[in-house]
Amino acid sequence: MNRYDRPRRRFAMALAGLAGFIDAVGFLSAGGYFVSFMSGNTTRLGVSLALDPTEALLPALLIVGFVIGVTSGAVLALRAGNWRKSAVLALVTALLLAGGIARTWGAERALILALVLAMGAINNTFQRGGEVTVGLTYMTGALVRLGQGFALWLTGKSEPGWTAWGALWAGLLCGAVLGAYLQQHFPYGCLWIAAAWAGLMALLALRFPAES
């Protein structure tokens, strides 16, 4: 984050908010499983394999779906060149629209599939040299970098922009609060809001050609 200018940081925070929004909707819809936090799903998979293998199928499928989403987004990003941010976010928008349609039809499994694919794909938004530079759906790394930045600040060696990692985490948290609230009070509309949010981000991404 500290390598990006302020507009790109704000853009990343808005996308982290979108990721938090979708993850909260997915968490509540999938009965306590995650559509983006694969460490949590891996732990649940391990516990299920040890204690009740019949419960292992769902977390396993979510992990596979997430990897497929990442792969699909990565292929699209490679082919889109300088405009990969907009291309990836257009894919995310389409998947969220599919999720909204699935919910309207009462197809909850298709809904969860669409959300986990979208959350895998969105992590390809920020890349440099083929490597993800800002993970939008997992915040452990962001909090580690925040802590490291705080340590450097305490020792007088900090670099500008290190607090942006905290703001990225806060973006995910705020999005999760909003997503959970709307899932409870506006369940048939929350995914249309998420799709509109993603579509707006895809348009805004045209201002930010991809980094080399």
N, C-alpha and C. Protein backbone atom coordinates (compact mmCIF):
# COMPACT_ATOMS: atom_id res chain seq x y z
N MET A 1 0.82 -1.21 0.00
CA MET A 1 0.00 0.00 0.00
C MET A 1 0.86 1.26 0.00
N ASN A 2 1.97 1.23 0.76
CA ASN A 2 2.76 2.46 0.85
C ASN A 2 3.53 2.76 -0.43
N ARG A 3 3.46 1.86 -1.42
CA ARG A 3 4.09 2.14 -2.71
C ARG A 3 3.13 2.82 -3.68
N TYR A 4 1.87 2.89 -3.30
CA TYR A 4 0.87 3.48 -4.19
C TYR A 4 0.59 4.92 -3.79
N ASP A 5 0.14 5.72 -4.77
CA ASP A 5 -0.23 7.09 -4.47
C ASP A 5 -1.58 7.11 -3.75
N ARG A 6 -1.97 8.28 -3.25
CA ARG A 6 -3.17 8.38 -2.43
C ARG A 6 -4.44 7.95 -3.16
N PRO A 7 -4.66 8.35 -4.43
CA PRO A 7 -5.88 7.90 -5.11
C PRO A 7 -5.98 6.37 -5.21
N ARG A 8 -4.86 5.70 -5.48
CA ARG A 8 -4.89 4.24 -5.56
C ARG A 8 -5.12 3.61 -4.19
N ARG A 9 -4.60 4.23 -3.15
CA ARG A 9 -4.87 3.72 -1.80
C ARG A 9 -6.35 3.81 -1.48
N ARG A 10 -6.95 4.93 -1.81
CA ARG A 10 -8.38 5.09 -1.54
C ARG A 10 -9.19 4.10 -2.36
N PHE A 11 -8.76 3.87 -3.57
CA PHE A 11 -9.42 2.89 -4.44
C PHE A 11 -9.34 1.50 -3.81
N ALA A 12 -8.16 1.13 -3.29
CA ALA A 12 -7.99 -0.16 -2.64
C ALA A 12 -8.87 -0.27 -1.40
N MET A 13 -8.99 0.80 -0.64
CA MET A 13 -9.84 0.77 0.56
C MET A 13 -11.30 0.56 0.20
N ALA A 14 -11.75 1.21 -0.89
CA ALA A 14 -13.13 1.02 -1.34
C ALA A 14 -13.37 -0.42 -1.78
N LEU A 15 -12.37 -1.02 -2.42
CA LEU A 15 -12.51 -2.42 -2.84
C LEU A 15 -12.46 -3.36 -1.64
N ALA A 16 -11.65 -3.04 -0.63
CA ALA A 16 -11.65 -3.84 0.59
C ALA A 16 -13.02 -3.78 1.26
N GLY A 17 -13.65 -2.60 1.23
CA GLY A 17 -14.99 -2.48 1.76
C GLY A 17 -15.97 -3.36 1.01
N LEU A 18 -15.85 -3.40 -0.32
CA LEU A 18 -16.70 -4.28 -1.13
C LEU A 18 -16.47 -5.74 -0.75
N ALA A 19 -15.20 -6.12 -0.58
CA ALA A 19 -14.88 -7.50 -0.20
C ALA A 19 -15.48 -7.85 1.15
N GLY A 20 -15.39 -6.91 2.11
CA GLY A 20 -15.99 -7.16 3.42
C GLY A 20 -17.49 -7.31 3.34
N PHE A 21 -18.11 -6.47 2.53
CA PHE A 21 -19.56 -6.52 2.31
C PHE A 21 -19.97 -7.90 1.80
N ILE A 22 -19.29 -8.36 0.77
CA ILE A 22 -19.65 -9.64 0.15
C ILE A 22 -19.34 -10.80 1.09
N ASP A 23 -18.23 -10.71 1.79
CA ASP A 23 -17.87 -11.80 2.70
C ASP A 23 -18.88 -11.93 3.83
N ALA A 24 -19.38 -10.80 4.33
CA ALA A 24 -20.40 -10.86 5.38
C ALA A 24 -21.69 -11.49 4.86
N VAL A 25 -22.10 -11.09 3.66
CA VAL A 25 -23.30 -11.69 3.05
C VAL A 25 -23.09 -13.20 2.86
N GLY A 26 -21.92 -13.56 2.36
CA GLY A 26 -21.63 -14.98 2.14
C GLY A 26 -21.56 -15.76 3.43
N PHE A 27 -20.94 -15.18 4.45
CA PHE A 27 -20.82 -15.85 5.75
C PHE A 27 -22.19 -16.16 6.33
N LEU A 28 -23.09 -15.19 6.28
CA LEU A 28 -24.43 -15.41 6.81
C LEU A 28 -25.25 -16.35 5.94
N SER A 29 -24.97 -16.34 4.64
CA SER A 29 -25.74 -17.20 3.72
C SER A 29 -25.25 -18.64 3.73
N ALA A 30 -23.97 -18.84 4.06
CA ALA A 30 -23.37 -20.18 4.01
C ALA A 30 -23.29 -20.83 5.37
N GLY A 31 -24.00 -20.30 6.34
CA GLY A 31 -24.06 -20.93 7.65
C GLY A 31 -22.75 -20.92 8.41
N GLY A 32 -22.01 -19.83 8.32
CA GLY A 32 -20.78 -19.71 9.09
C GLY A 32 -19.52 -20.11 8.35
N TYR A 33 -19.63 -20.42 7.08
CA TYR A 33 -18.45 -20.63 6.24
C TYR A 33 -18.14 -19.33 5.51
N PHE A 34 -16.94 -19.26 4.93
CA PHE A 34 -16.47 -18.03 4.33
C PHE A 34 -16.40 -18.15 2.81
N VAL A 35 -16.63 -17.02 2.13
CA VAL A 35 -16.45 -16.99 0.68
C VAL A 35 -15.14 -16.31 0.30
N SER A 36 -14.38 -15.83 1.27
CA SER A 36 -13.07 -15.25 0.95
C SER A 36 -11.98 -15.70 1.90
N PHE A 37 -12.29 -16.02 3.15
CA PHE A 37 -11.29 -16.33 4.16
C PHE A 37 -10.98 -17.82 4.12
N MET A 38 -10.05 -18.20 3.23
CA MET A 38 -9.80 -19.62 3.02
C MET A 38 -8.98 -20.25 4.14
N SER A 39 -8.28 -19.45 4.94
CA SER A 39 -7.62 -20.00 6.12
C SER A 39 -8.66 -20.56 7.09
N GLY A 40 -9.74 -19.79 7.29
CA GLY A 40 -10.81 -20.26 8.16
C GLY A 40 -11.48 -21.50 7.62
N ASN A 41 -11.73 -21.53 6.31
CA ASN A 41 -12.34 -22.71 5.71
C ASN A 41 -11.41 -23.93 5.78
N THR A 42 -10.10 -23.69 5.66
CA THR A 42 -9.15 -24.79 5.75
C THR A 42 -9.14 -25.37 7.15
N THR A 43 -9.22 -24.50 8.17
CA THR A 43 -9.30 -24.99 9.55
C THR A 43 -10.57 -25.80 9.76
N ARG A 44 -11.68 -25.30 9.24
CA ARG A 44 -12.94 -26.03 9.38
C ARG A 44 -12.89 -27.36 8.61
N LEU A 45 -12.20 -27.36 7.46
CA LEU A 45 -12.03 -28.60 6.71
C LEU A 45 -11.24 -29.61 7.53
N GLY A 46 -10.14 -29.15 8.13
CA GLY A 46 -9.32 -30.05 8.94
C GLY A 46 -10.08 -30.61 10.13
N VAL A 47 -10.83 -29.76 10.82
CA VAL A 47 -11.62 -30.21 11.96
C VAL A 47 -12.66 -31.23 11.51
N SER A 48 -13.31 -30.96 10.38
CA SER A 48 -14.32 -31.89 9.88
C SER A 48 -13.71 -33.22 9.49
N LEU A 49 -12.55 -33.20 8.85
CA LEU A 49 -11.90 -34.46 8.46
C LEU A 49 -11.53 -35.29 9.68
N ALA A 50 -11.18 -34.59 10.77
CA ALA A 50 -10.79 -35.31 11.98
C ALA A 50 -11.98 -35.82 12.78
N LEU A 51 -13.05 -35.02 12.83
CA LEU A 51 -14.15 -35.34 13.73
C LEU A 51 -15.41 -35.84 13.05
N ASP A 52 -15.70 -35.31 11.85
CA ASP A 52 -16.93 -35.69 11.15
C ASP A 52 -16.75 -35.47 9.64
N PRO A 53 -16.15 -36.44 8.96
CA PRO A 53 -15.85 -36.28 7.53
C PRO A 53 -17.06 -35.93 6.67
N THR A 54 -18.26 -36.25 7.12
CA THR A 54 -19.45 -35.92 6.33
C THR A 54 -19.65 -34.42 6.21
N GLU A 55 -19.02 -33.63 7.09
CA GLU A 55 -19.14 -32.17 7.06
C GLU A 55 -18.03 -31.50 6.26
N ALA A 56 -17.16 -32.31 5.64
CA ALA A 56 -15.97 -31.76 4.99
C ALA A 56 -16.23 -31.27 3.57
N LEU A 57 -17.33 -31.68 2.96
CA LEU A 57 -17.54 -31.38 1.55
C LEU A 57 -17.67 -29.88 1.29
N LEU A 58 -18.47 -29.18 2.09
CA LEU A 58 -18.71 -27.77 1.83
C LEU A 58 -17.44 -26.93 1.91
N PRO A 59 -16.65 -27.01 3.00
CA PRO A 59 -15.42 -26.20 3.01
C PRO A 59 -14.46 -26.57 1.89
N ALA A 60 -14.42 -27.87 1.53
CA ALA A 60 -13.55 -28.28 0.43
C ALA A 60 -14.00 -27.64 -0.88
N LEU A 61 -15.29 -27.64 -1.14
CA LEU A 61 -15.81 -27.04 -2.37
C LEU A 61 -15.59 -25.53 -2.39
N LEU A 62 -15.71 -24.89 -1.25
CA LEU A 62 -15.47 -23.45 -1.19
C LEU A 62 -14.02 -23.12 -1.51
N ILE A 63 -13.10 -23.92 -1.01
CA ILE A 63 -11.69 -23.69 -1.30
C ILE A 63 -11.41 -23.89 -2.78
N VAL A 64 -11.96 -24.96 -3.35
CA VAL A 64 -11.77 -25.21 -4.79
C VAL A 64 -12.37 -24.07 -5.60
N GLY A 65 -13.57 -23.62 -5.23
CA GLY A 65 -14.21 -22.52 -5.95
C GLY A 65 -13.40 -21.25 -5.88
N PHE A 66 -12.82 -20.98 -4.73
CA PHE A 66 -12.00 -19.77 -4.58
C PHE A 66 -10.78 -19.84 -5.50
N VAL A 67 -10.12 -21.00 -5.55
CA VAL A 67 -8.95 -21.15 -6.42
C VAL A 67 -9.36 -20.98 -7.89
N ILE A 68 -10.51 -21.52 -8.26
CA ILE A 68 -10.99 -21.34 -9.64
C ILE A 68 -11.24 -19.86 -9.92
N GLY A 69 -11.81 -19.15 -8.96
CA GLY A 69 -12.03 -17.72 -9.14
C GLY A 69 -10.74 -16.95 -9.30
N VAL A 70 -9.74 -17.28 -8.47
CA VAL A 70 -8.43 -16.63 -8.60
C VAL A 70 -7.83 -16.91 -9.97
N THR A 71 -7.90 -18.17 -10.39
CA THR A 71 -7.32 -18.56 -11.68
C THR A 71 -8.01 -17.83 -12.83
N SER A 72 -9.33 -17.78 -12.80
CA SER A 72 -10.09 -17.11 -13.85
C SER A 72 -9.75 -15.63 -13.91
N GLY A 73 -9.69 -14.99 -12.74
CA GLY A 73 -9.33 -13.58 -12.70
C GLY A 73 -7.92 -13.33 -13.18
N ALA A 74 -7.00 -14.24 -12.84
CA ALA A 74 -5.61 -14.08 -13.25
C ALA A 74 -5.45 -14.20 -14.77
N VAL A 75 -6.15 -15.18 -15.34
CA VAL A 75 -6.10 -15.34 -16.81
C VAL A 75 -6.65 -14.09 -17.49
N LEU A 76 -7.77 -13.59 -17.00
CA LEU A 76 -8.36 -12.39 -17.57
C LEU A 76 -7.41 -11.20 -17.42
N ALA A 77 -6.78 -11.08 -16.25
CA ALA A 77 -5.86 -9.96 -16.02
C ALA A 77 -4.68 -10.01 -16.98
N LEU A 78 -4.17 -11.20 -17.21
CA LEU A 78 -3.03 -11.34 -18.13
C LEU A 78 -3.41 -10.94 -19.55
N ARG A 79 -4.62 -11.26 -19.95
CA ARG A 79 -5.05 -10.96 -21.31
C ARG A 79 -5.49 -9.51 -21.48
N ALA A 80 -5.88 -8.86 -20.38
CA ALA A 80 -6.40 -7.49 -20.47
C ALA A 80 -5.29 -6.44 -20.49
N GLY A 81 -4.07 -6.83 -20.17
CA GLY A 81 -2.97 -5.88 -20.23
C GLY A 81 -3.12 -4.72 -19.28
N ASN A 82 -2.96 -3.50 -19.79
CA ASN A 82 -2.98 -2.30 -18.95
C ASN A 82 -4.33 -2.04 -18.30
N TRP A 83 -5.37 -2.66 -18.82
CA TRP A 83 -6.71 -2.40 -18.29
C TRP A 83 -7.23 -3.57 -17.47
N ARG A 84 -6.30 -4.30 -16.85
CA ARG A 84 -6.71 -5.49 -16.11
C ARG A 84 -7.58 -5.17 -14.89
N LYS A 85 -7.36 -4.03 -14.27
CA LYS A 85 -8.20 -3.69 -13.12
C LYS A 85 -9.67 -3.64 -13.52
N SER A 86 -9.97 -2.92 -14.57
CA SER A 86 -11.36 -2.81 -15.02
C SER A 86 -11.89 -4.16 -15.49
N ALA A 87 -11.06 -4.94 -16.17
CA ALA A 87 -11.50 -6.25 -16.66
C ALA A 87 -11.84 -7.18 -15.50
N VAL A 88 -10.96 -7.23 -14.51
CA VAL A 88 -11.20 -8.09 -13.35
C VAL A 88 -12.47 -7.66 -12.61
N LEU A 89 -12.64 -6.36 -12.43
CA LEU A 89 -13.81 -5.87 -11.70
C LEU A 89 -15.09 -6.04 -12.51
N ALA A 90 -14.99 -6.03 -13.83
CA ALA A 90 -16.16 -6.33 -14.65
C ALA A 90 -16.58 -7.78 -14.46
N LEU A 91 -15.58 -8.68 -14.34
CA LEU A 91 -15.89 -10.08 -14.06
C LEU A 91 -16.56 -10.22 -12.69
N VAL A 92 -16.03 -9.51 -11.69
CA VAL A 92 -16.62 -9.55 -10.35
C VAL A 92 -18.06 -9.05 -10.39
N THR A 93 -18.29 -7.96 -11.14
CA THR A 93 -19.64 -7.43 -11.27
C THR A 93 -20.59 -8.46 -11.86
N ALA A 94 -20.15 -9.14 -12.92
CA ALA A 94 -20.99 -10.15 -13.56
C ALA A 94 -21.31 -11.30 -12.60
N LEU A 95 -20.33 -11.70 -11.81
CA LEU A 95 -20.56 -12.79 -10.85
C LEU A 95 -21.52 -12.37 -9.75
N LEU A 96 -21.42 -11.13 -9.31
CA LEU A 96 -22.35 -10.64 -8.29
C LEU A 96 -23.77 -10.52 -8.84
N LEU A 97 -23.89 -10.11 -10.09
CA LEU A 97 -25.21 -10.09 -10.73
C LEU A 97 -25.78 -11.51 -10.80
N ALA A 98 -24.92 -12.47 -11.14
CA ALA A 98 -25.36 -13.87 -11.17
C ALA A 98 -25.81 -14.32 -9.78
N GLY A 99 -25.08 -13.87 -8.76
CA GLY A 99 -25.47 -14.20 -7.39
C GLY A 99 -26.82 -13.61 -7.02
N GLY A 100 -27.05 -12.36 -7.44
CA GLY A 100 -28.34 -11.73 -7.19
C GLY A 100 -29.49 -12.46 -7.87
N ILE A 101 -29.25 -12.90 -9.10
CA ILE A 101 -30.28 -13.66 -9.82
C ILE A 101 -30.53 -15.00 -9.13
N ALA A 102 -29.44 -15.65 -8.70
CA ALA A 102 -29.58 -16.94 -8.01
C ALA A 102 -30.41 -16.79 -6.74
N ARG A 103 -30.17 -15.73 -5.99
CA ARG A 103 -30.96 -15.53 -4.78
C ARG A 103 -32.43 -15.30 -5.11
N THR A 104 -32.71 -14.53 -6.17
CA THR A 104 -34.09 -14.28 -6.58
C THR A 104 -34.80 -15.58 -6.91
N TRP A 105 -34.05 -16.51 -7.51
CA TRP A 105 -34.63 -17.82 -7.88
C TRP A 105 -34.61 -18.81 -6.72
N GLY A 106 -34.04 -18.44 -5.60
CA GLY A 106 -33.95 -19.36 -4.47
C GLY A 106 -32.88 -20.41 -4.60
N ALA A 107 -31.91 -20.16 -5.48
CA ALA A 107 -30.82 -21.13 -5.70
C ALA A 107 -29.63 -20.75 -4.82
N GLU A 108 -29.68 -21.14 -3.56
CA GLU A 108 -28.65 -20.71 -2.59
C GLU A 108 -27.28 -21.28 -2.91
N ARG A 109 -27.20 -22.49 -3.42
CA ARG A 109 -25.89 -23.07 -3.76
C ARG A 109 -25.23 -22.29 -4.89
N ALA A 110 -26.02 -21.93 -5.90
CA ALA A 110 -25.48 -21.12 -6.99
C ALA A 110 -25.06 -19.75 -6.50
N LEU A 111 -25.80 -19.21 -5.54
CA LEU A 111 -25.45 -17.92 -4.94
C LEU A 111 -24.08 -18.01 -4.28
N ILE A 112 -23.85 -19.02 -3.46
CA ILE A 112 -22.57 -19.16 -2.77
C ILE A 112 -21.44 -19.36 -3.77
N LEU A 113 -21.70 -20.15 -4.82
CA LEU A 113 -20.69 -20.36 -5.86
C LEU A 113 -20.30 -19.05 -6.52
N ALA A 114 -21.28 -18.23 -6.86
CA ALA A 114 -21.00 -16.95 -7.50
C ALA A 114 -20.17 -16.04 -6.59
N LEU A 115 -20.49 -16.05 -5.30
CA LEU A 115 -19.77 -15.18 -4.36
C LEU A 115 -18.34 -15.63 -4.17
N VAL A 116 -18.11 -16.94 -4.04
CA VAL A 116 -16.75 -17.40 -3.81
C VAL A 116 -15.89 -17.20 -5.06
N LEU A 117 -16.48 -17.36 -6.25
CA LEU A 117 -15.74 -17.08 -7.48
C LEU A 117 -15.38 -15.60 -7.57
N ALA A 118 -16.33 -14.74 -7.21
CA ALA A 118 -16.08 -13.29 -7.25
C ALA A 118 -14.96 -12.91 -6.30
N MET A 119 -14.96 -13.48 -5.10
CA MET A 119 -13.94 -13.13 -4.12
C MET A 119 -12.56 -13.66 -4.50
N GLY A 120 -12.53 -14.78 -5.19
CA GLY A 120 -11.25 -15.23 -5.71
C GLY A 120 -10.73 -14.31 -6.79
N ALA A 121 -11.62 -13.93 -7.70
CA ALA A 121 -11.22 -13.10 -8.83
C ALA A 121 -10.74 -11.72 -8.41
N ILE A 122 -11.39 -11.12 -7.41
CA ILE A 122 -11.09 -9.73 -7.07
C ILE A 122 -9.66 -9.53 -6.58
N ASN A 123 -9.04 -10.60 -6.10
CA ASN A 123 -7.67 -10.47 -5.61
C ASN A 123 -6.64 -10.23 -6.71
N ASN A 124 -7.07 -10.29 -7.95
CA ASN A 124 -6.17 -9.99 -9.07
C ASN A 124 -6.19 -8.51 -9.46
N THR A 125 -6.90 -7.69 -8.71
CA THR A 125 -7.03 -6.28 -9.09
C THR A 125 -5.70 -5.56 -8.99
N PHE A 126 -4.98 -5.78 -7.90
CA PHE A 126 -3.69 -5.10 -7.69
C PHE A 126 -2.56 -6.10 -7.90
N GLN A 127 -1.84 -5.91 -9.00
CA GLN A 127 -0.71 -6.78 -9.34
C GLN A 127 0.47 -5.93 -9.77
N ARG A 128 1.64 -6.49 -9.60
CA ARG A 128 2.85 -5.90 -10.16
C ARG A 128 3.81 -7.05 -10.47
N GLY A 129 4.23 -7.13 -11.74
CA GLY A 129 5.11 -8.21 -12.14
C GLY A 129 4.49 -9.59 -11.98
N GLY A 130 3.15 -9.66 -12.13
CA GLY A 130 2.46 -10.94 -12.01
C GLY A 130 2.18 -11.36 -10.60
N GLU A 131 2.57 -10.57 -9.60
CA GLU A 131 2.34 -10.91 -8.20
C GLU A 131 1.30 -9.97 -7.60
N VAL A 132 0.44 -10.52 -6.75
CA VAL A 132 -0.56 -9.70 -6.06
C VAL A 132 0.14 -8.80 -5.06
N THR A 133 -0.11 -7.49 -5.13
CA THR A 133 0.53 -6.53 -4.23
C THR A 133 -0.37 -6.12 -3.07
N VAL A 134 -1.69 -6.18 -3.28
CA VAL A 134 -2.65 -5.86 -2.22
C VAL A 134 -3.72 -6.93 -2.22
N GLY A 135 -3.72 -7.75 -1.17
CA GLY A 135 -4.77 -8.75 -1.04
C GLY A 135 -6.03 -8.09 -0.47
N LEU A 136 -7.11 -8.16 -1.20
CA LEU A 136 -8.32 -7.42 -0.82
C LEU A 136 -9.28 -8.21 0.05
N THR A 137 -9.14 -9.52 0.11
CA THR A 137 -10.11 -10.32 0.84
C THR A 137 -9.54 -10.97 2.10
N TYR A 138 -8.27 -10.72 2.40
CA TYR A 138 -7.69 -11.27 3.62
C TYR A 138 -6.80 -10.20 4.25
N MET A 139 -6.96 -10.04 5.56
CA MET A 139 -6.34 -8.91 6.24
C MET A 139 -5.23 -9.30 7.21
N THR A 140 -4.93 -10.58 7.33
CA THR A 140 -3.83 -10.96 8.22
C THR A 140 -2.53 -10.31 7.78
N GLY A 141 -2.26 -10.36 6.47
CA GLY A 141 -1.04 -9.74 5.96
C GLY A 141 -1.03 -8.23 6.18
N ALA A 142 -2.19 -7.60 6.01
CA ALA A 142 -2.27 -6.15 6.22
C ALA A 142 -1.99 -5.79 7.67
N LEU A 143 -2.52 -6.59 8.59
CA LEU A 143 -2.29 -6.31 10.01
C LEU A 143 -0.85 -6.59 10.40
N VAL A 144 -0.23 -7.59 9.79
CA VAL A 144 1.19 -7.84 10.03
C VAL A 144 2.02 -6.64 9.57
N ARG A 145 1.71 -6.13 8.38
CA ARG A 145 2.46 -4.98 7.87
C ARG A 145 2.19 -3.73 8.70
N LEU A 146 0.98 -3.61 9.22
CA LEU A 146 0.68 -2.49 10.10
C LEU A 146 1.53 -2.58 11.37
N GLY A 147 1.58 -3.77 11.94
CA GLY A 147 2.40 -3.96 13.14
C GLY A 147 3.87 -3.71 12.88
N GLN A 148 4.37 -4.16 11.73
CA GLN A 148 5.76 -3.92 11.38
C GLN A 148 6.02 -2.44 11.18
N GLY A 149 5.07 -1.75 10.54
CA GLY A 149 5.21 -0.31 10.35
C GLY A 149 5.22 0.43 11.67
N PHE A 150 4.39 -0.03 12.60
CA PHE A 150 4.34 0.59 13.92
C PHE A 150 5.67 0.40 14.65
N ALA A 151 6.25 -0.81 14.49
CA ALA A 151 7.55 -1.07 15.10
C ALA A 151 8.63 -0.14 14.53
N LEU A 152 8.61 0.06 13.22
CA LEU A 152 9.58 0.97 12.60
C LEU A 152 9.37 2.40 13.07
N TRP A 153 8.09 2.77 13.25
CA TRP A 153 7.80 4.13 13.75
C TRP A 153 8.33 4.31 15.17
N LEU A 154 8.15 3.29 15.99
CA LEU A 154 8.63 3.36 17.37
C LEU A 154 10.16 3.49 17.45
N THR A 155 10.83 2.92 16.46
CA THR A 155 12.29 2.96 16.45
C THR A 155 12.84 4.06 15.57
N GLY A 156 11.94 4.94 15.07
CA GLY A 156 12.38 6.07 14.26
C GLY A 156 12.80 5.72 12.86
N LYS A 157 12.31 4.60 12.32
CA LYS A 157 12.73 4.16 10.98
C LYS A 157 11.55 4.00 10.03
N SER A 158 10.41 4.59 10.36
CA SER A 158 9.21 4.35 9.56
C SER A 158 9.30 5.01 8.19
N GLU A 159 8.54 4.45 7.25
CA GLU A 159 8.40 4.98 5.91
C GLU A 159 7.01 5.58 5.75
N PRO A 160 6.86 6.60 4.90
CA PRO A 160 5.53 7.21 4.72
C PRO A 160 4.52 6.19 4.20
N GLY A 161 3.30 6.30 4.67
CA GLY A 161 2.21 5.49 4.13
C GLY A 161 1.94 4.19 4.85
N TRP A 162 2.70 3.88 5.92
CA TRP A 162 2.50 2.57 6.54
C TRP A 162 1.14 2.44 7.22
N THR A 163 0.56 3.57 7.63
CA THR A 163 -0.75 3.51 8.28
C THR A 163 -1.87 3.11 7.31
N ALA A 164 -1.59 3.16 6.01
CA ALA A 164 -2.61 2.79 5.02
C ALA A 164 -3.05 1.34 5.19
N TRP A 165 -2.17 0.49 5.74
CA TRP A 165 -2.56 -0.90 5.97
C TRP A 165 -3.69 -0.98 6.99
N GLY A 166 -3.64 -0.11 7.99
CA GLY A 166 -4.74 -0.05 8.96
C GLY A 166 -6.03 0.43 8.32
N ALA A 167 -5.91 1.40 7.43
CA ALA A 167 -7.10 1.91 6.74
C ALA A 167 -7.69 0.84 5.83
N LEU A 168 -6.84 0.00 5.23
CA LEU A 168 -7.34 -1.09 4.39
C LEU A 168 -8.16 -2.06 5.23
N TRP A 169 -7.63 -2.42 6.40
CA TRP A 169 -8.36 -3.30 7.32
C TRP A 169 -9.69 -2.67 7.74
N ALA A 170 -9.65 -1.37 8.05
CA ALA A 170 -10.88 -0.67 8.46
C ALA A 170 -11.91 -0.67 7.34
N GLY A 171 -11.44 -0.58 6.09
CA GLY A 171 -12.36 -0.64 4.95
C GLY A 171 -13.09 -1.97 4.89
N LEU A 172 -12.35 -3.07 5.09
CA LEU A 172 -12.98 -4.38 5.10
C LEU A 172 -13.99 -4.50 6.24
N LEU A 173 -13.62 -3.99 7.42
CA LEU A 173 -14.52 -4.06 8.57
C LEU A 173 -15.81 -3.28 8.32
N CYS A 174 -15.69 -2.06 7.82
CA CYS A 174 -16.88 -1.24 7.57
C CYS A 174 -17.78 -1.90 6.52
N GLY A 175 -17.17 -2.46 5.48
CA GLY A 175 -17.96 -3.16 4.47
C GLY A 175 -18.68 -4.36 5.05
N ALA A 176 -18.01 -5.09 5.96
CA ALA A 176 -18.64 -6.26 6.58
C ALA A 176 -19.83 -5.86 7.45
N VAL A 177 -19.68 -4.75 8.18
CA VAL A 177 -20.80 -4.26 9.00
C VAL A 177 -22.00 -3.94 8.12
N LEU A 178 -21.75 -3.21 7.02
CA LEU A 178 -22.84 -2.84 6.12
C LEU A 178 -23.45 -4.07 5.46
N GLY A 179 -22.60 -5.00 5.02
CA GLY A 179 -23.11 -6.21 4.37
C GLY A 179 -23.96 -7.05 5.29
N ALA A 180 -23.51 -7.20 6.55
CA ALA A 180 -24.28 -7.98 7.51
C ALA A 180 -25.63 -7.32 7.80
N TYR A 181 -25.62 -6.01 7.95
CA TYR A 181 -26.87 -5.30 8.23
C TYR A 181 -27.87 -5.47 7.09
N LEU A 182 -27.39 -5.27 5.86
CA LEU A 182 -28.29 -5.36 4.71
C LEU A 182 -28.73 -6.80 4.45
N GLN A 183 -27.85 -7.77 4.72
CA GLN A 183 -28.24 -9.17 4.58
C GLN A 183 -29.41 -9.50 5.51
N GLN A 184 -29.39 -8.93 6.70
CA GLN A 184 -30.45 -9.20 7.65
C GLN A 184 -31.74 -8.44 7.35
N HIS A 185 -31.60 -7.22 6.84
CA HIS A 185 -32.77 -6.36 6.68
C HIS A 185 -33.22 -6.17 5.22
N PHE A 186 -32.34 -6.51 4.28
CA PHE A 186 -32.66 -6.28 2.87
C PHE A 186 -32.03 -7.40 2.04
N PRO A 187 -32.32 -8.67 2.37
CA PRO A 187 -31.59 -9.79 1.78
C PRO A 187 -31.70 -9.91 0.27
N TYR A 188 -32.84 -9.53 -0.30
CA TYR A 188 -33.00 -9.67 -1.74
C TYR A 188 -32.47 -8.47 -2.53
N GLY A 189 -31.99 -7.47 -1.82
CA GLY A 189 -31.43 -6.31 -2.51
C GLY A 189 -29.95 -6.11 -2.29
N CYS A 190 -29.39 -6.78 -1.27
CA CYS A 190 -28.01 -6.47 -0.92
C CYS A 190 -27.02 -6.84 -2.03
N LEU A 191 -27.29 -7.92 -2.75
CA LEU A 191 -26.35 -8.31 -3.81
C LEU A 191 -26.45 -7.39 -5.03
N TRP A 192 -27.62 -6.82 -5.26
CA TRP A 192 -27.71 -5.83 -6.34
C TRP A 192 -26.90 -4.59 -5.97
N ILE A 193 -26.91 -4.23 -4.69
CA ILE A 193 -26.08 -3.11 -4.22
C ILE A 193 -24.60 -3.44 -4.41
N ALA A 194 -24.21 -4.67 -4.06
CA ALA A 194 -22.82 -5.09 -4.23
C ALA A 194 -22.42 -5.06 -5.70
N ALA A 195 -23.31 -5.52 -6.58
CA ALA A 195 -23.00 -5.51 -8.02
C ALA A 195 -22.85 -4.09 -8.54
N ALA A 196 -23.72 -3.18 -8.08
CA ALA A 196 -23.59 -1.78 -8.50
C ALA A 196 -22.29 -1.18 -7.99
N TRP A 197 -21.92 -1.52 -6.77
CA TRP A 197 -20.66 -1.06 -6.18
C TRP A 197 -19.49 -1.55 -7.03
N ALA A 198 -19.48 -2.84 -7.37
CA ALA A 198 -18.40 -3.40 -8.18
C ALA A 198 -18.36 -2.77 -9.57
N GLY A 199 -19.54 -2.54 -10.17
CA GLY A 199 -19.58 -1.91 -11.49
C GLY A 199 -19.01 -0.51 -11.45
N LEU A 200 -19.32 0.25 -10.40
CA LEU A 200 -18.76 1.59 -10.26
C LEU A 200 -17.25 1.52 -10.12
N MET A 201 -16.75 0.55 -9.36
CA MET A 201 -15.31 0.39 -9.20
C MET A 201 -14.64 0.03 -10.53
N ALA A 202 -15.33 -0.77 -11.35
CA ALA A 202 -14.78 -1.12 -12.67
C ALA A 202 -14.62 0.13 -13.54
N LEU A 203 -15.59 1.03 -13.45
CA LEU A 203 -15.49 2.28 -14.21
C LEU A 203 -14.38 3.19 -13.67
N LEU A 204 -14.32 3.29 -12.35
CA LEU A 204 -13.28 4.12 -11.74
C LEU A 204 -11.88 3.57 -12.03
N ALA A 205 -11.78 2.25 -12.19
CA ALA A 205 -10.49 1.64 -12.45
C ALA A 205 -9.88 2.08 -13.77
N LEU A 206 -10.71 2.62 -14.67
CA LEU A 206 -10.18 3.13 -15.93
C LEU A 206 -9.22 4.29 -15.71
N ARG A 207 -9.30 4.91 -14.55
CA ARG A 207 -8.38 6.01 -14.21
C ARG A 207 -7.02 5.50 -13.79
N PHE A 208 -6.91 4.19 -13.54
CA PHE A 208 -5.69 3.64 -12.98
C PHE A 208 -5.16 2.51 -13.87
N PRO A 209 -4.50 2.85 -14.95
CA PRO A 209 -3.88 1.79 -15.77
C PRO A 209 -2.97 0.93 -14.92
N ALA A 210 -2.84 -0.34 -15.32
CA ALA A 210 -2.10 -1.30 -14.51
C ALA A 210 -0.64 -0.92 -14.38
N GLU A 211 -0.05 -1.26 -13.23
CA GLU A 211 1.37 -1.06 -13.03
C GLU A 211 2.13 -2.17 -13.75
N SER A 212 3.37 -1.92 -14.07
CA SER A 212 4.16 -2.92 -14.77
C SER A 212 4.55 -4.06 -13.81
